[in-house]
Amino acid sequence: MNGPLSVQGEYLHSFVEHAAGSGLNFDGFYASVGWLLTGESRPYNRAEGVFDRGVPKRNLDFGRGGWAEAGRKRTETERRR
């Protein structure tokens, strides 16, 4: 990733069939957005497939360390077939 903006999301669908022939559908998703207020990027470790710990570029006026604003939305639904 390059820059202070981070956007991530995922969708899932699963169908489960009962022995009696009826089934259930499950759907779900999440979306998250983040902004690093101190300007750094989130370093990504490709070998391990994870985000590494970042180092703040600067301190904010009211304290030390990096700061971020983040939000997340998720939902799950179930439908009978």
Protein backbone atom coordinates (compact mmCIF):
# COMPACT_ATOMS: atom_id res chain seq x y z
CA MET A 1 0.00 0.00 0.00
CA ASN A 2 1.15 3.48 -0.75
CA GLY A 3 -0.37 6.45 1.04
CA PRO A 4 -2.49 7.09 4.14
CA LEU A 5 -5.81 5.80 2.74
CA SER A 6 -6.74 2.15 3.33
CA VAL A 7 -9.80 0.46 1.78
CA GLN A 8 -10.60 -3.23 2.20
CA GLY A 9 -13.62 -5.44 1.64
CA GLU A 10 -14.85 -8.98 1.21
CA TYR A 11 -18.05 -10.77 0.15
CA LEU A 12 -19.03 -14.33 1.02
CA HIS A 13 -21.77 -16.72 -0.02
CA SER A 14 -22.35 -20.21 1.33
CA PHE A 15 -25.06 -22.75 0.56
CA VAL A 16 -25.75 -25.52 3.08
CA GLU A 17 -28.02 -28.40 2.10
CA HIS A 18 -29.79 -30.54 4.68
CA ALA A 19 -30.18 -34.30 4.32
CA ALA A 20 -33.96 -33.74 3.98
CA GLY A 21 -33.34 -31.72 0.79
CA SER A 22 -33.98 -28.23 2.10
CA GLY A 23 -31.15 -25.77 2.31
CA LEU A 24 -29.93 -22.44 3.60
CA ASN A 25 -28.11 -19.62 1.83
CA PHE A 26 -25.80 -17.36 3.78
CA ASP A 27 -24.49 -14.06 2.44
CA GLY A 28 -22.25 -11.56 4.11
CA PHE A 29 -19.83 -8.75 3.43
CA TYR A 30 -17.64 -6.25 5.16
CA ALA A 31 -16.05 -3.03 4.02
CA SER A 32 -13.57 -0.98 5.99
CA VAL A 33 -11.93 2.37 5.34
CA GLY A 34 -9.07 3.95 7.25
CA TRP A 35 -7.03 7.13 7.06
CA LEU A 36 -3.66 7.48 8.81
CA LEU A 37 -3.73 11.03 10.21
CA THR A 38 0.05 11.18 10.61
CA GLY A 39 0.60 10.49 6.88
CA GLU A 40 2.37 7.14 6.79
CA SER A 41 1.44 4.08 4.72
CA ARG A 42 0.52 0.66 6.10
CA PRO A 43 3.51 -1.56 5.27
CA TYR A 44 2.50 -4.94 3.83
CA ASN A 45 4.59 -8.10 4.24
CA ARG A 46 3.96 -10.07 1.03
CA ALA A 47 5.87 -13.14 2.23
CA GLU A 48 3.56 -13.60 5.23
CA GLY A 49 0.44 -11.98 3.74
CA VAL A 50 -0.05 -9.55 6.65
CA PHE A 51 0.23 -5.84 7.37
CA ASP A 52 3.34 -4.93 9.37
CA ARG A 53 3.58 -2.38 12.12
CA GLY A 54 3.99 1.14 10.80
CA VAL A 55 6.31 3.87 12.03
CA PRO A 56 4.75 7.35 12.34
CA LYS A 57 6.23 10.04 10.10
CA ARG A 58 5.46 12.75 12.65
CA ASN A 59 3.72 13.33 15.97
CA LEU A 60 0.41 15.12 16.15
CA ASP A 61 0.11 18.29 18.23
CA PHE A 62 -1.51 16.50 21.17
CA GLY A 63 0.72 13.49 21.64
CA ARG A 64 3.18 10.92 20.41
CA GLY A 65 2.69 8.10 17.95
CA GLY A 66 0.57 7.45 14.89
CA TRP A 67 -3.15 8.11 14.76
CA ALA A 68 -5.82 6.72 12.45
CA GLU A 69 -9.50 7.20 11.78
CA ALA A 70 -11.31 4.04 10.74
CA GLY A 71 -14.79 2.76 10.04
CA ARG A 72 -16.24 -0.65 9.28
CA LYS A 73 -19.59 -1.97 8.07
CA ARG A 74 -20.62 -5.60 8.00
CA THR A 75 -23.77 -7.58 7.46
CA GLU A 76 -24.89 -11.19 7.35
CA THR A 77 -28.16 -12.61 6.01
CA GLU A 78 -29.76 -16.04 5.98
CA ARG A 79 -32.32 -17.23 3.43
CA ARG A 80 -34.14 -20.54 3.41
CA ARG A 81 -34.41 -22.34 0.13
